[in-house]
PDB file of all heavy atoms in Angstrom:
ATOM      1  N   THR A   1       0.841  -1.193   0.000  1.00  0.00           N
ATOM      2  CA  THR A   1       0.000   0.000   0.000  1.00  0.00           C
ATOM      3  C   THR A   1       0.875   1.242   0.000  1.00  0.00           C
ATOM      4  O   THR A   1       1.750   1.397   0.844  1.00  0.00           O
ATOM      5  CB  THR A   1      -0.929   0.014   1.238  1.00  0.00           C
ATOM      6  OG1 THR A   1      -1.695  -1.188   1.274  1.00  0.00           O
ATOM      7  CG2 THR A   1      -1.856   1.211   1.205  1.00  0.00           C
ATOM      8  N   THR A   2       0.636   2.138  -0.959  1.00  0.00           N
ATOM      9  CA  THR A   2       1.431   3.362  -1.058  1.00  0.00           C
ATOM     10  C   THR A   2       0.789   4.479  -0.243  1.00  0.00           C
ATOM     11  O   THR A   2      -0.408   4.436   0.067  1.00  0.00           O
ATOM     12  CB  THR A   2       1.565   3.835  -2.519  1.00  0.00           C
ATOM     13  OG1 THR A   2       0.264   4.218  -3.003  1.00  0.00           O
ATOM     14  CG2 THR A   2       2.167   2.755  -3.402  1.00  0.00           C
ATOM     15  N   PHE A   3       1.595   5.476   0.084  1.00  0.00           N
ATOM     16  CA  PHE A   3       1.078   6.643   0.793  1.00  0.00           C
ATOM     17  C   PHE A   3       0.031   7.352  -0.078  1.00  0.00           C
ATOM     18  O   PHE A   3      -0.945   7.888   0.433  1.00  0.00           O
ATOM     19  CB  PHE A   3       2.199   7.605   1.166  1.00  0.00           C
ATOM     20  CG  PHE A   3       3.202   7.025   2.126  1.00  0.00           C
ATOM     21  CD1 PHE A   3       4.511   7.465   2.123  1.00  0.00           C
ATOM     22  CD2 PHE A   3       2.854   6.046   3.038  1.00  0.00           C
ATOM     23  CE1 PHE A   3       5.444   6.947   3.010  1.00  0.00           C
ATOM     24  CE2 PHE A   3       3.780   5.516   3.933  1.00  0.00           C
ATOM     25  CZ  PHE A   3       5.077   5.968   3.906  1.00  0.00           C
ATOM     26  N   GLU A   4       0.247   7.328  -1.391  1.00  0.00           N
ATOM     27  CA  GLU A   4      -0.696   7.944  -2.317  1.00  0.00           C
ATOM     28  C   GLU A   4      -2.058   7.242  -2.240  1.00  0.00           C
ATOM     29  O   GLU A   4      -3.097   7.902  -2.214  1.00  0.00           O
ATOM     30  CB  GLU A   4      -0.150   7.881  -3.741  1.00  0.00           C
ATOM     31  CG  GLU A   4      -1.013   8.593  -4.758  1.00  0.00           C
ATOM     32  CD  GLU A   4      -0.404   8.588  -6.147  1.00  0.00           C
ATOM     33  OE1 GLU A   4       0.832   8.660  -6.276  1.00  0.00           O
ATOM     34  OE2 GLU A   4      -1.191   8.510  -7.098  1.00  0.00           O
ATOM     35  N   GLU A   5      -2.036   5.921  -2.170  1.00  0.00           N
ATOM     36  CA  GLU A   5      -3.291   5.162  -2.051  1.00  0.00           C
ATOM     37  C   GLU A   5      -4.011   5.481  -0.744  1.00  0.00           C
ATOM     38  O   GLU A   5      -5.239   5.383  -0.671  1.00  0.00           O
ATOM     39  CB  GLU A   5      -3.025   3.660  -2.134  1.00  0.00           C
ATOM     40  CG  GLU A   5      -2.589   3.196  -3.502  1.00  0.00           C
ATOM     41  CD  GLU A   5      -2.113   1.750  -3.520  1.00  0.00           C
ATOM     42  OE1 GLU A   5      -1.627   1.244  -2.486  1.00  0.00           O
ATOM     43  OE2 GLU A   5      -2.227   1.125  -4.591  1.00  0.00           O
ATOM     44  N   LEU A   6      -3.259   5.843   0.274  1.00  0.00           N
ATOM     45  CA  LEU A   6      -3.827   6.214   1.563  1.00  0.00           C
ATOM     46  C   LEU A   6      -4.210   7.696   1.615  1.00  0.00           C
ATOM     47  O   LEU A   6      -4.657   8.187   2.644  1.00  0.00           O
ATOM     48  CB  LEU A   6      -2.836   5.904   2.688  1.00  0.00           C
ATOM     49  CG  LEU A   6      -2.524   4.430   2.906  1.00  0.00           C
ATOM     50  CD1 LEU A   6      -1.353   4.272   3.875  1.00  0.00           C
ATOM     51  CD2 LEU A   6      -3.751   3.685   3.411  1.00  0.00           C
ATOM     52  N   SER A   7      -4.008   8.397   0.494  1.00  0.00           N
ATOM     53  CA  SER A   7      -4.293   9.838   0.389  1.00  0.00           C
ATOM     54  C   SER A   7      -3.505  10.647   1.423  1.00  0.00           C
ATOM     55  O   SER A   7      -4.038  11.541   2.075  1.00  0.00           O
ATOM     56  CB  SER A   7      -5.793  10.109   0.541  1.00  0.00           C
ATOM     57  OG  SER A   7      -6.512   9.454  -0.462  1.00  0.00           O
ATOM     58  N   LEU A   8      -2.221  10.306   1.574  1.00  0.00           N
ATOM     59  CA  LEU A   8      -1.347  11.021   2.496  1.00  0.00           C
ATOM     60  C   LEU A   8      -0.442  11.971   1.713  1.00  0.00           C
ATOM     61  O   LEU A   8       0.323  11.533   0.855  1.00  0.00           O
ATOM     62  CB  LEU A   8      -0.478  10.038   3.281  1.00  0.00           C
ATOM     63  CG  LEU A   8      -1.203   9.044   4.185  1.00  0.00           C
ATOM     64  CD1 LEU A   8      -0.216   8.032   4.749  1.00  0.00           C
ATOM     65  CD2 LEU A   8      -1.922   9.764   5.305  1.00  0.00           C
ATOM     66  N   ASP A   9      -0.529  13.260   2.004  1.00  0.00           N
ATOM     67  CA  ASP A   9       0.396  14.205   1.388  1.00  0.00           C
ATOM     68  C   ASP A   9       1.644  14.316   2.259  1.00  0.00           C
ATOM     69  O   ASP A   9       1.756  13.636   3.286  1.00  0.00           O
ATOM     70  CB  ASP A   9      -0.268  15.561   1.157  1.00  0.00           C
ATOM     71  CG  ASP A   9      -0.708  16.260   2.439  1.00  0.00           C
ATOM     72  OD1 ASP A   9      -0.176  15.940   3.534  1.00  0.00           O
ATOM     73  OD2 ASP A   9      -1.583  17.142   2.350  1.00  0.00           O
ATOM     74  N   SER A  10       2.577  15.151   1.881  1.00  0.00           N
ATOM     75  CA  SER A  10       3.855  15.222   2.593  1.00  0.00           C
ATOM     76  C   SER A  10       3.675  15.659   4.045  1.00  0.00           C
ATOM     77  O   SER A  10       4.356  15.167   4.946  1.00  0.00           O
ATOM     78  CB  SER A  10       4.830  16.152   1.874  1.00  0.00           C
ATOM     79  OG  SER A  10       4.274  17.451   1.742  1.00  0.00           O
ATOM     80  N   LEU A  11       2.749  16.563   4.313  1.00  0.00           N
ATOM     81  CA  LEU A  11       2.487  16.994   5.686  1.00  0.00           C
ATOM     82  C   LEU A  11       1.892  15.844   6.506  1.00  0.00           C
ATOM     83  O   LEU A  11       2.268  15.640   7.663  1.00  0.00           O
ATOM     84  CB  LEU A  11       1.548  18.197   5.701  1.00  0.00           C
ATOM     85  CG  LEU A  11       1.277  18.823   7.064  1.00  0.00           C
ATOM     86  CD1 LEU A  11       2.575  19.275   7.732  1.00  0.00           C
ATOM     87  CD2 LEU A  11       0.318  19.991   6.924  1.00  0.00           C
ATOM     88  N   ASP A  12       0.990  15.077   5.886  1.00  0.00           N
ATOM     89  CA  ASP A  12       0.428  13.906   6.561  1.00  0.00           C
ATOM     90  C   ASP A  12       1.523  12.908   6.921  1.00  0.00           C
ATOM     91  O   ASP A  12       1.518  12.332   8.009  1.00  0.00           O
ATOM     92  CB  ASP A  12      -0.599  13.191   5.672  1.00  0.00           C
ATOM     93  CG  ASP A  12      -1.895  13.962   5.510  1.00  0.00           C
ATOM     94  OD1 ASP A  12      -2.335  14.603   6.482  1.00  0.00           O
ATOM     95  OD2 ASP A  12      -2.468  13.907   4.407  1.00  0.00           O
ATOM     96  N   VAL A  13       2.455  12.690   6.004  1.00  0.00           N
ATOM     97  CA  VAL A  13       3.535  11.728   6.234  1.00  0.00           C
ATOM     98  C   VAL A  13       4.391  12.171   7.418  1.00  0.00           C
ATOM     99  O   VAL A  13       4.751  11.352   8.264  1.00  0.00           O
ATOM    100  CB  VAL A  13       4.384  11.517   4.959  1.00  0.00           C
ATOM    101  CG1 VAL A  13       5.609  10.676   5.260  1.00  0.00           C
ATOM    102  CG2 VAL A  13       3.547  10.868   3.860  1.00  0.00           C
ATOM    103  N   VAL A  14       4.698  13.446   7.502  1.00  0.00           N
ATOM    104  CA  VAL A  14       5.496  13.962   8.621  1.00  0.00           C
ATOM    105  C   VAL A  14       4.770  13.706   9.943  1.00  0.00           C
ATOM    106  O   VAL A  14       5.367  13.218  10.906  1.00  0.00           O
ATOM    107  CB  VAL A  14       5.809  15.470   8.444  1.00  0.00           C
ATOM    108  CG1 VAL A  14       6.402  16.057   9.714  1.00  0.00           C
ATOM    109  CG2 VAL A  14       6.750  15.681   7.267  1.00  0.00           C
ATOM    110  N   GLN A  15       3.479  14.021   9.988  1.00  0.00           N
ATOM    111  CA  GLN A  15       2.700  13.796  11.214  1.00  0.00           C
ATOM    112  C   GLN A  15       2.626  12.311  11.530  1.00  0.00           C
ATOM    113  O   GLN A  15       2.763  11.896  12.673  1.00  0.00           O
ATOM    114  CB  GLN A  15       1.286  14.378  11.068  1.00  0.00           C
ATOM    115  CG  GLN A  15       0.428  14.165  12.291  1.00  0.00           C
ATOM    116  CD  GLN A  15       0.979  14.818  13.542  1.00  0.00           C
ATOM    117  OE1 GLN A  15       1.330  15.991  13.519  1.00  0.00           O
ATOM    118  NE2 GLN A  15       1.065  14.073  14.618  1.00  0.00           N
ATOM    119  N   LEU A  16       2.422  11.504  10.504  1.00  0.00           N
ATOM    120  CA  LEU A  16       2.344  10.063  10.694  1.00  0.00           C
ATOM    121  C   LEU A  16       3.654   9.504  11.240  1.00  0.00           C
ATOM    122  O   LEU A  16       3.652   8.665  12.139  1.00  0.00           O
ATOM    123  CB  LEU A  16       1.986   9.381   9.372  1.00  0.00           C
ATOM    124  CG  LEU A  16       1.833   7.873   9.418  1.00  0.00           C
ATOM    125  CD1 LEU A  16       0.699   7.466  10.340  1.00  0.00           C
ATOM    126  CD2 LEU A  16       1.594   7.336   8.012  1.00  0.00           C
ATOM    127  N   ILE A  17       4.779   9.991  10.729  1.00  0.00           N
ATOM    128  CA  ILE A  17       6.097   9.552  11.208  1.00  0.00           C
ATOM    129  C   ILE A  17       6.229   9.859  12.700  1.00  0.00           C
ATOM    130  O   ILE A  17       6.706   9.031  13.474  1.00  0.00           O
ATOM    131  CB  ILE A  17       7.244  10.211  10.407  1.00  0.00           C
ATOM    132  CG1 ILE A  17       7.246   9.731   8.960  1.00  0.00           C
ATOM    133  CG2 ILE A  17       8.599   9.967  11.067  1.00  0.00           C
ATOM    134  CD1 ILE A  17       7.545   8.268   8.762  1.00  0.00           C
ATOM    135  N   MET A  18       5.763  11.022  13.117  1.00  0.00           N
ATOM    136  CA  MET A  18       5.836  11.372  14.540  1.00  0.00           C
ATOM    137  C   MET A  18       4.967  10.418  15.365  1.00  0.00           C
ATOM    138  O   MET A  18       5.381   9.977  16.440  1.00  0.00           O
ATOM    139  CB  MET A  18       5.421  12.827  14.758  1.00  0.00           C
ATOM    140  CG  MET A  18       6.438  13.820  14.229  1.00  0.00           C
ATOM    141  SD  MET A  18       6.136  15.545  14.694  1.00  0.00           S
ATOM    142  CE  MET A  18       4.591  15.889  13.882  1.00  0.00           C
ATOM    143  N   ASP A  19       3.792  10.083  14.865  1.00  0.00           N
ATOM    144  CA  ASP A  19       2.921   9.126  15.561  1.00  0.00           C
ATOM    145  C   ASP A  19       3.582   7.747  15.645  1.00  0.00           C
ATOM    146  O   ASP A  19       3.505   7.071  16.674  1.00  0.00           O
ATOM    147  CB  ASP A  19       1.572   8.999  14.849  1.00  0.00           C
ATOM    148  CG  ASP A  19       0.721  10.262  14.939  1.00  0.00           C
ATOM    149  OD1 ASP A  19       1.067  11.172  15.722  1.00  0.00           O
ATOM    150  OD2 ASP A  19      -0.294  10.327  14.203  1.00  0.00           O
ATOM    151  N   ILE A  20       4.232   7.336  14.554  1.00  0.00           N
ATOM    152  CA  ILE A  20       4.897   6.031  14.510  1.00  0.00           C
ATOM    153  C   ILE A  20       6.084   6.011  15.478  1.00  0.00           C
ATOM    154  O   ILE A  20       6.300   5.022  16.179  1.00  0.00           O
ATOM    155  CB  ILE A  20       5.349   5.701  13.070  1.00  0.00           C
ATOM    156  CG1 ILE A  20       4.113   5.428  12.202  1.00  0.00           C
ATOM    157  CG2 ILE A  20       6.318   4.525  13.040  1.00  0.00           C
ATOM    158  CD1 ILE A  20       4.393   5.392  10.720  1.00  0.00           C
ATOM    159  N   GLU A  21       6.843   7.099  15.513  1.00  0.00           N
ATOM    160  CA  GLU A  21       7.973   7.177  16.445  1.00  0.00           C
ATOM    161  C   GLU A  21       7.493   6.996  17.879  1.00  0.00           C
ATOM    162  O   GLU A  21       8.116   6.275  18.663  1.00  0.00           O
ATOM    163  CB  GLU A  21       8.694   8.522  16.282  1.00  0.00           C
ATOM    164  CG  GLU A  21       9.495   8.628  15.014  1.00  0.00           C
ATOM    165  CD  GLU A  21      10.142   9.992  14.833  1.00  0.00           C
ATOM    166  OE1 GLU A  21       9.586  11.005  15.315  1.00  0.00           O
ATOM    167  OE2 GLU A  21      11.209  10.040  14.200  1.00  0.00           O
ATOM    168  N   GLU A  22       6.379   7.628  18.212  1.00  0.00           N
ATOM    169  CA  GLU A  22       5.837   7.509  19.560  1.00  0.00           C
ATOM    170  C   GLU A  22       5.349   6.084  19.826  1.00  0.00           C
ATOM    171  O   GLU A  22       5.633   5.516  20.878  1.00  0.00           O
ATOM    172  CB  GLU A  22       4.685   8.498  19.732  1.00  0.00           C
ATOM    173  CG  GLU A  22       4.149   8.541  21.136  1.00  0.00           C
ATOM    174  CD  GLU A  22       3.075   9.605  21.299  1.00  0.00           C
ATOM    175  OE1 GLU A  22       3.225  10.705  20.746  1.00  0.00           O
ATOM    176  OE2 GLU A  22       2.094   9.314  21.988  1.00  0.00           O
ATOM    177  N   GLU A  23       4.648   5.506  18.881  1.00  0.00           N
ATOM    178  CA  GLU A  23       4.089   4.161  19.052  1.00  0.00           C
ATOM    179  C   GLU A  23       5.174   3.093  19.185  1.00  0.00           C
ATOM    180  O   GLU A  23       5.082   2.196  20.012  1.00  0.00           O
ATOM    181  CB  GLU A  23       3.171   3.824  17.862  1.00  0.00           C
ATOM    182  CG  GLU A  23       2.645   2.411  17.850  1.00  0.00           C
ATOM    183  CD  GLU A  23       1.595   2.127  18.923  1.00  0.00           C
ATOM    184  OE1 GLU A  23       0.963   3.086  19.418  1.00  0.00           O
ATOM    185  OE2 GLU A  23       1.422   0.949  19.261  1.00  0.00           O
ATOM    186  N   PHE A  24       6.217   3.188  18.346  1.00  0.00           N
ATOM    187  CA  PHE A  24       7.243   2.150  18.302  1.00  0.00           C
ATOM    188  C   PHE A  24       8.468   2.482  19.156  1.00  0.00           C
ATOM    189  O   PHE A  24       9.355   1.648  19.304  1.00  0.00           O
ATOM    190  CB  PHE A  24       7.684   1.896  16.853  1.00  0.00           C
ATOM    191  CG  PHE A  24       6.661   1.167  16.031  1.00  0.00           C
ATOM    192  CD1 PHE A  24       5.689   1.856  15.324  1.00  0.00           C
ATOM    193  CD2 PHE A  24       6.663  -0.216  15.954  1.00  0.00           C
ATOM    194  CE1 PHE A  24       4.742   1.192  14.557  1.00  0.00           C
ATOM    195  CE2 PHE A  24       5.721  -0.902  15.194  1.00  0.00           C
ATOM    196  CZ  PHE A  24       4.760  -0.192  14.496  1.00  0.00           C
ATOM    197  N   GLY A  25       8.552   3.705  19.690  1.00  0.00           N
ATOM    198  CA  GLY A  25       9.694   4.084  20.512  1.00  0.00           C
ATOM    199  C   GLY A  25      10.990   4.172  19.726  1.00  0.00           C
ATOM    200  O   GLY A  25      12.047   3.768  20.209  1.00  0.00           O
ATOM    201  N   VAL A  26      10.894   4.686  18.502  1.00  0.00           N
ATOM    202  CA  VAL A  26      12.068   4.805  17.630  1.00  0.00           C
ATOM    203  C   VAL A  26      12.153   6.226  17.084  1.00  0.00           C
ATOM    204  O   VAL A  26      11.222   7.010  17.210  1.00  0.00           O
ATOM    205  CB  VAL A  26      11.995   3.808  16.438  1.00  0.00           C
ATOM    206  CG1 VAL A  26      12.024   2.375  16.919  1.00  0.00           C
ATOM    207  CG2 VAL A  26      10.770   4.062  15.576  1.00  0.00           C
ATOM    208  N   THR A  27      13.299   6.525  16.486  1.00  0.00           N
ATOM    209  CA  THR A  27      13.474   7.774  15.757  1.00  0.00           C
ATOM    210  C   THR A  27      13.640   7.419  14.291  1.00  0.00           C
ATOM    211  O   THR A  27      14.454   6.562  13.944  1.00  0.00           O
ATOM    212  CB  THR A  27      14.714   8.532  16.257  1.00  0.00           C
ATOM    213  OG1 THR A  27      14.538   8.803  17.656  1.00  0.00           O
ATOM    214  CG2 THR A  27      14.921   9.824  15.504  1.00  0.00           C
ATOM    215  N   ILE A  28      12.860   8.060  13.449  1.00  0.00           N
ATOM    216  CA  ILE A  28      12.881   7.754  12.019  1.00  0.00           C
ATOM    217  C   ILE A  28      13.316   8.989  11.247  1.00  0.00           C
ATOM    218  O   ILE A  28      12.753  10.069  11.430  1.00  0.00           O
ATOM    219  CB  ILE A  28      11.490   7.303  11.527  1.00  0.00           C
ATOM    220  CG1 ILE A  28      11.065   6.020  12.241  1.00  0.00           C
ATOM    221  CG2 ILE A  28      11.477   7.125  10.020  1.00  0.00           C
ATOM    222  CD1 ILE A  28       9.656   5.587  11.955  1.00  0.00           C
ATOM    223  N   GLU A  29      14.298   8.811  10.404  1.00  0.00           N
ATOM    224  CA  GLU A  29      14.748   9.873   9.514  1.00  0.00           C
ATOM    225  C   GLU A  29      13.864   9.838   8.274  1.00  0.00           C
ATOM    226  O   GLU A  29      13.794   8.832   7.571  1.00  0.00           O
ATOM    227  CB  GLU A  29      16.218   9.646   9.125  1.00  0.00           C
ATOM    228  CG  GLU A  29      16.831  10.750   8.306  1.00  0.00           C
ATOM    229  CD  GLU A  29      17.036  12.028   9.106  1.00  0.00           C
ATOM    230  OE1 GLU A  29      17.318  11.942  10.307  1.00  0.00           O
ATOM    231  OE2 GLU A  29      16.905  13.107   8.501  1.00  0.00           O
ATOM    232  N   LEU A  30      13.139  10.916   8.032  1.00  0.00           N
ATOM    233  CA  LEU A  30      12.251  10.975   6.874  1.00  0.00           C
ATOM    234  C   LEU A  30      13.079  10.910   5.596  1.00  0.00           C
ATOM    235  O   LEU A  30      14.038  11.662   5.426  1.00  0.00           O
ATOM    236  CB  LEU A  30      11.420  12.253   6.906  1.00  0.00           C
ATOM    237  CG  LEU A  30      10.318  12.378   5.880  1.00  0.00           C
ATOM    238  CD1 LEU A  30       9.346  11.189   5.993  1.00  0.00           C
ATOM    239  CD2 LEU A  30       9.558  13.668   6.068  1.00  0.00           C
ATOM    240  N   ASP A  31      12.715   9.992   4.739  1.00  0.00           N
ATOM    241  CA  ASP A  31      13.461   9.736   3.512  1.00  0.00           C
ATOM    242  C   ASP A  31      12.474   9.718   2.351  1.00  0.00           C
ATOM    243  O   ASP A  31      11.430   9.072   2.426  1.00  0.00           O
ATOM    244  CB  ASP A  31      14.165   8.381   3.650  1.00  0.00           C
ATOM    245  CG  ASP A  31      15.054   8.035   2.482  1.00  0.00           C
ATOM    246  OD1 ASP A  31      14.917   8.660   1.404  1.00  0.00           O
ATOM    247  OD2 ASP A  31      15.872   7.133   2.628  1.00  0.00           O
ATOM    248  N   LYS A  32      12.803  10.424   1.294  1.00  0.00           N
ATOM    249  CA  LYS A  32      11.902  10.496   0.147  1.00  0.00           C
ATOM    250  C   LYS A  32      11.693   9.146  -0.532  1.00  0.00           C
ATOM    251  O   LYS A  32      10.754   8.980  -1.299  1.00  0.00           O
ATOM    252  CB  LYS A  32      12.412  11.522  -0.860  1.00  0.00           C
ATOM    253  CG  LYS A  32      12.367  12.937  -0.333  1.00  0.00           C
ATOM    254  CD  LYS A  32      12.415  13.937  -1.452  1.00  0.00           C
ATOM    255  CE  LYS A  32      12.449  15.344  -0.943  1.00  0.00           C
ATOM    256  NZ  LYS A  32      11.208  15.810  -0.388  1.00  0.00           N
ATOM    257  N   SER A  33      12.545   8.163  -0.238  1.00  0.00           N
ATOM    258  CA  SER A  33      12.383   6.841  -0.840  1.00  0.00           C
ATOM    259  C   SER A  33      11.257   6.051  -0.158  1.00  0.00           C
ATOM    260  O   SER A  33      10.819   5.033  -0.680  1.00  0.00           O
ATOM    261  CB  SER A  33      13.687   6.049  -0.779  1.00  0.00           C
ATOM    262  OG  SER A  33      14.003   5.735   0.564  1.00  0.00           O
ATOM    263  N   MET A  34      10.791   6.536   0.989  1.00  0.00           N
ATOM    264  CA  MET A  34       9.670   5.880   1.662  1.00  0.00           C
ATOM    265  C   MET A  34       8.387   6.268   0.944  1.00  0.00           C
ATOM    266  O   MET A  34       7.918   7.399   1.054  1.00  0.00           O
ATOM    267  CB  MET A  34       9.586   6.299   3.133  1.00  0.00           C
ATOM    268  CG  MET A  34      10.606   5.639   4.010  1.00  0.00           C
ATOM    269  SD  MET A  34      10.284   5.909   5.763  1.00  0.00           S
ATOM    270  CE  MET A  34      10.675   7.639   5.924  1.00  0.00           C
ATOM    271  N   LYS A  35       7.857   5.339   0.189  1.00  0.00           N
ATOM    272  CA  LYS A  35       6.660   5.604  -0.603  1.00  0.00           C
ATOM    273  C   LYS A  35       5.517   4.665  -0.272  1.00  0.00           C
ATOM    274  O   LYS A  35       4.401   4.864  -0.725  1.00  0.00           O
ATOM    275  CB  LYS A  35       6.966   5.482  -2.105  1.00  0.00           C
ATOM    276  CG  LYS A  35       8.028   6.420  -2.610  1.00  0.00           C
ATOM    277  CD  LYS A  35       7.477   7.785  -2.799  1.00  0.00           C
ATOM    278  CE  LYS A  35       8.534   8.678  -3.423  1.00  0.00           C
ATOM    279  NZ  LYS A  35       8.252  10.064  -3.295  1.00  0.00           N
ATOM    280  N   ASP A  36       5.834   3.597   0.496  1.00  0.00           N
ATOM    281  CA  ASP A  36       4.797   2.619   0.799  1.00  0.00           C
ATOM    282  C   ASP A  36       4.981   2.052   2.202  1.00  0.00           C
ATOM    283  O   ASP A  36       5.964   2.341   2.880  1.00  0.00           O
ATOM    284  CB  ASP A  36       4.772   1.505  -0.249  1.00  0.00           C
ATOM    285  CG  ASP A  36       6.080   0.746  -0.355  1.00  0.00           C
ATOM    286  OD1 ASP A  36       6.856   0.698   0.626  1.00  0.00           O
ATOM    287  OD2 ASP A  36       6.346   0.175  -1.424  1.00  0.00           O
ATOM    288  N   VAL A  37       4.017   1.264   2.606  1.00  0.00           N
ATOM    289  CA  VAL A  37       4.022   0.693   3.949  1.00  0.00           C
ATOM    290  C   VAL A  37       5.215  -0.238   4.143  1.00  0.00           C
ATOM    291  O   VAL A  37       5.847  -0.242   5.196  1.00  0.00           O
ATOM    292  CB  VAL A  37       2.685  -0.029   4.216  1.00  0.00           C
ATOM    293  CG1 VAL A  37       2.724  -0.797   5.519  1.00  0.00           C
ATOM    294  CG2 VAL A  37       1.533   0.974   4.219  1.00  0.00           C
ATOM    295  N   GLY A  38       5.564  -1.008   3.121  1.00  0.00           N
ATOM    296  CA  GLY A  38       6.692  -1.935   3.214  1.00  0.00           C
ATOM    297  C   GLY A  38       8.006  -1.222   3.504  1.00  0.00           C
ATOM    298  O   GLY A  38       8.780  -1.667   4.362  1.00  0.00           O
ATOM    299  N   SER A  39       8.256  -0.132   2.807  1.00  0.00           N
ATOM    300  CA  SER A  39       9.511   0.614   3.046  1.00  0.00           C
ATOM    301  C   SER A  39       9.499   1.235   4.441  1.00  0.00           C
ATOM    302  O   SER A  39      10.527   1.311   5.104  1.00  0.00           O
ATOM    303  CB  SER A  39       9.744   1.668   1.966  1.00  0.00           C
ATOM    304  OG  SER A  39       8.707   2.627   1.942  1.00  0.00           O
ATOM    305  N   LEU A  40       8.337   1.630   4.910  1.00  0.00           N
ATOM    306  CA  LEU A  40       8.220   2.183   6.249  1.00  0.00           C
ATOM    307  C   LEU A  40       8.491   1.099   7.290  1.00  0.00           C
ATOM    308  O   LEU A  40       9.195   1.346   8.273  1.00  0.00           O
ATOM    309  CB  LEU A  40       6.827   2.791   6.433  1.00  0.00           C
ATOM    310  CG  LEU A  40       6.560   3.583   7.692  1.00  0.00           C
ATOM    311  CD1 LEU A  40       7.618   4.647   7.939  1.00  0.00           C
ATOM    312  CD2 LEU A  40       5.183   4.221   7.629  1.00  0.00           C
ATOM    313  N   LEU A  41       7.979  -0.092   7.075  1.00  0.00           N
ATOM    314  CA  LEU A  41       8.245  -1.210   7.984  1.00  0.00           C
ATOM    315  C   LEU A  41       9.725  -1.528   8.044  1.00  0.00           C
ATOM    316  O   LEU A  41      10.269  -1.825   9.123  1.00  0.00           O
ATOM    317  CB  LEU A  41       7.463  -2.445   7.549  1.00  0.00           C
ATOM    318  CG  LEU A  41       5.965  -2.413   7.821  1.00  0.00           C
ATOM    319  CD1 LEU A  41       5.269  -3.577   7.130  1.00  0.00           C
ATOM    320  CD2 LEU A  41       5.679  -2.412   9.311  1.00  0.00           C
ATOM    321  N   THR A  42      10.405  -1.465   6.909  1.00  0.00           N
ATOM    322  CA  THR A  42      11.852  -1.720   6.853  1.00  0.00           C
ATOM    323  C   THR A  42      12.602  -0.693   7.695  1.00  0.00           C
ATOM    324  O   THR A  42      13.504  -1.049   8.457  1.00  0.00           O
ATOM    325  CB  THR A  42      12.352  -1.688   5.402  1.00  0.00           C
ATOM    326  OG1 THR A  42      11.653  -2.688   4.650  1.00  0.00           O
ATOM    327  CG2 THR A  42      13.842  -1.912   5.306  1.00  0.00           C
ATOM    328  N   VAL A  43      12.213   0.571   7.586  1.00  0.00           N
ATOM    329  CA  VAL A  43      12.857   1.646   8.341  1.00  0.00           C
ATOM    330  C   VAL A  43      12.601   1.459   9.843  1.00  0.00           C
ATOM    331  O   VAL A  43      13.500   1.637  10.662  1.00  0.00           O
ATOM    332  CB  VAL A  43      12.375   3.022   7.854  1.00  0.00           C
ATOM    333  CG1 VAL A  43      12.835   4.132   8.775  1.00  0.00           C
ATOM    334  CG2 VAL A  43      12.858   3.275   6.429  1.00  0.00           C
ATOM    335  N   ILE A  44      11.381   1.094  10.207  1.00  0.00           N
ATOM    336  CA  ILE A  44      11.050   0.882  11.625  1.00  0.00           C
ATOM    337  C   ILE A  44      11.889  -0.269  12.183  1.00  0.00           C
ATOM    338  O   ILE A  44      12.457  -0.175  13.274  1.00  0.00           O
ATOM    339  CB  ILE A  44       9.542   0.597  11.807  1.00  0.00           C
ATOM    340  CG1 ILE A  44       8.723   1.838  11.452  1.00  0.00           C
ATOM    341  CG2 ILE A  44       9.258   0.159  13.241  1.00  0.00           C
ATOM    342  CD1 ILE A  44       7.230   1.568  11.333  1.00  0.00           C
ATOM    343  N   ALA A  45      11.946  -1.360  11.435  1.00  0.00           N
ATOM    344  CA  ALA A  45      12.722  -2.538  11.890  1.00  0.00           C
ATOM    345  C   ALA A  45      14.189  -2.172  12.079  1.00  0.00           C
ATOM    346  O   ALA A  45      14.815  -2.580  13.064  1.00  0.00           O
ATOM    347  CB  ALA A  45      12.574  -3.677  10.893  1.00  0.00           C
ATOM    348  N   ALA A  46      14.751  -1.392  11.149  1.00  0.00           N
ATOM    349  CA  ALA A  46      16.161  -0.989  11.262  1.00  0.00           C
ATOM    350  C   ALA A  46      16.357  -0.081  12.473  1.00  0.00           C
ATOM    351  O   ALA A  46      17.374  -0.177  13.169  1.00  0.00           O
ATOM    352  CB  ALA A  46      16.595  -0.273   9.974  1.00  0.00           C
ATOM    353  N   ALA A  47      15.405   0.795  12.738  1.00  0.00           N
ATOM    354  CA  ALA A  47      15.520   1.717  13.868  1.00  0.00           C
ATOM    355  C   ALA A  47      15.406   0.977  15.201  1.00  0.00           C
ATOM    356  O   ALA A  47      15.963   1.426  16.201  1.00  0.00           O
ATOM    357  CB  ALA A  47      14.451   2.799  13.770  1.00  0.00           C
TER     358      ALA A  47
END
């Protein structure tokens, strides 16, 4: 599932990243290559 399919714009993604950081207890560096849920999961796992 892509961020576009979820109707998330760049501001939504930033807010979502902050929510994810809080939920998972990690720090995530926002990267333009993150375009879908799978890439986000990879970043979370690495963090």
